Amino acid sequence: MSQDDIPKTKFIRVWKQLKVDDIKKNILYVDDLYATCGNCKRLGLNYLKDKSCPDCKTEFIYLASNSKNPSEIGKMLSRLDKEGIDLIMIDREDFERSSASDAARNLFKN
């Protein structure tokens, strides 16, 4: 196989409209060394090994990191790709901002 035959793929951020409640039910938060289930808050999960939460059985679809460093995010995405893990990386700040605005809006409903 020549260099021209090898697909040249890159990670590119994409904007897509999603339901915040759907994300909340299926998100895995990655901190420094471990991850946390967004549904039941179970600590100590491994984003490379845990496809679902051992406690609440939530199946993870989305992944969000505290890291703002693009090279760290790139490393995480490369690991996911290398391991064949099908998680969608979302921007944690965007998600938390959307969640907060929904919560604030619900405070004023009768």
Protein backbone atom coordinates (compact mmCIF):
# COMPACT_ATOMS: atom_id res chain seq x y z
CA MET A 1 0.00 0.00 0.00
CA SER A 2 1.46 3.37 -1.00
CA GLN A 3 1.24 6.61 1.00
CA ASP A 4 -1.52 7.79 -1.37
CA ASP A 5 -3.68 4.77 -0.49
CA ILE A 6 -3.65 5.47 3.27
CA PRO A 7 -6.73 7.46 4.35
CA LYS A 8 -5.74 10.81 5.86
CA THR A 9 -8.20 11.34 8.69
CA LYS A 10 -8.08 14.04 11.33
CA PHE A 11 -10.18 14.93 14.33
CA ILE A 12 -12.41 17.90 13.51
CA ARG A 13 -14.84 19.60 15.87
CA VAL A 14 -18.40 19.49 14.59
CA TRP A 15 -21.40 21.46 15.81
CA LYS A 16 -24.57 19.44 16.15
CA GLN A 17 -27.82 20.14 17.94
CA LEU A 18 -28.37 17.54 20.69
CA LYS A 19 -30.87 17.09 23.51
CA VAL A 20 -29.15 17.96 26.77
CA ASP A 21 -31.25 15.45 28.73
CA ASP A 22 -30.12 12.62 26.43
CA ILE A 23 -26.49 13.56 27.00
CA LYS A 24 -26.97 13.75 30.79
CA LYS A 25 -28.19 10.15 30.83
CA ASN A 26 -25.25 8.76 28.87
CA ILE A 27 -22.17 10.84 29.64
CA LEU A 28 -18.84 9.87 31.12
CA TYR A 29 -16.83 12.72 32.67
CA VAL A 30 -13.06 12.26 32.44
CA ASP A 31 -10.95 14.01 35.04
CA ASP A 32 -7.19 13.58 35.50
CA LEU A 33 -6.82 9.85 36.06
CA TYR A 34 -10.33 8.49 36.33
CA ALA A 35 -13.82 9.08 35.02
CA THR A 36 -17.22 9.61 36.62
CA CYS A 37 -20.63 8.38 35.48
CA GLY A 38 -22.80 11.37 34.65
CA ASN A 39 -25.96 9.50 35.62
CA CYS A 40 -25.22 8.11 39.11
CA LYS A 41 -21.89 9.89 39.82
CA ARG A 42 -19.95 6.62 40.31
CA LEU A 43 -16.25 7.50 40.67
CA GLY A 44 -13.14 5.65 39.56
CA LEU A 45 -14.20 4.53 36.09
CA ASN A 46 -11.78 4.04 33.20
CA TYR A 47 -12.90 5.65 29.94
CA LEU A 48 -10.91 3.09 27.91
CA LYS A 49 -12.38 0.02 29.63
CA ASP A 50 -15.79 0.88 31.07
CA LYS A 51 -18.41 0.93 28.32
CA SER A 52 -21.16 1.14 30.91
CA CYS A 53 -21.48 2.01 34.59
CA PRO A 54 -21.11 -1.01 36.90
CA ASP A 55 -23.60 0.55 39.36
CA CYS A 56 -26.47 2.03 37.33
CA LYS A 57 -25.77 0.13 34.07
CA THR A 58 -25.82 3.36 32.02
CA GLU A 59 -24.35 2.78 28.57
CA PHE A 60 -21.88 5.55 27.77
CA ILE A 61 -22.31 7.35 24.45
CA TYR A 62 -20.70 10.71 25.26
CA LEU A 63 -17.41 11.68 26.84
CA ALA A 64 -16.38 15.06 28.26
CA SER A 65 -13.05 16.09 29.73
CA ASN A 66 -11.96 18.80 32.15
CA SER A 67 -8.86 19.37 30.05
CA LYS A 68 -8.68 22.53 28.00
CA ASN A 69 -5.35 21.52 26.47
CA PRO A 70 -5.88 20.61 22.79
CA SER A 71 -2.95 18.17 22.82
CA GLU A 72 -4.44 16.29 25.81
CA ILE A 73 -7.82 16.12 24.07
CA GLY A 74 -6.03 14.89 20.94
CA LYS A 75 -4.30 12.15 22.93
CA MET A 76 -7.62 11.02 24.39
CA LEU A 77 -9.25 10.96 20.95
CA SER A 78 -6.30 9.00 19.53
CA ARG A 79 -6.56 6.44 22.36
CA LEU A 80 -10.29 6.04 21.75
CA ASP A 81 -9.66 5.58 18.03
CA LYS A 82 -6.77 3.13 18.57
CA GLU A 83 -8.83 1.02 20.98
CA GLY A 84 -11.91 1.12 18.71
CA ILE A 85 -14.04 2.78 21.39
CA ASP A 86 -17.09 4.48 19.96
CA LEU A 87 -17.64 7.46 22.29
CA ILE A 88 -18.56 10.94 21.12
CA MET A 89 -16.33 13.62 22.64
CA ILE A 90 -18.31 16.73 23.53
CA ASP A 91 -17.11 20.08 24.82
CA ARG A 92 -17.67 20.03 28.57
CA GLU A 93 -18.07 23.81 28.88
CA ASP A 94 -20.74 23.88 26.16
CA PHE A 95 -22.58 21.02 27.80
CA GLU A 96 -22.43 22.50 31.30
CA ARG A 97 -23.51 25.93 30.00
CA SER A 98 -26.51 24.33 28.25
CA SER A 99 -27.40 22.33 31.37
CA ALA A 100 -27.18 25.42 33.56
CA SER A 101 -29.39 27.50 31.28
CA ASP A 102 -32.01 24.73 31.22
CA ALA A 103 -31.90 24.49 35.03
CA ALA A 104 -32.27 28.27 35.40
CA ARG A 105 -35.20 28.31 32.96
CA ASN A 106 -36.94 25.53 34.92
CA LEU A 107 -36.66 27.53 38.17
CA PHE A 108 -39.10 30.10 36.85
CA LYS A 109 -41.74 27.71 35.53
CA ASN A 110 -44.99 27.54 37.48
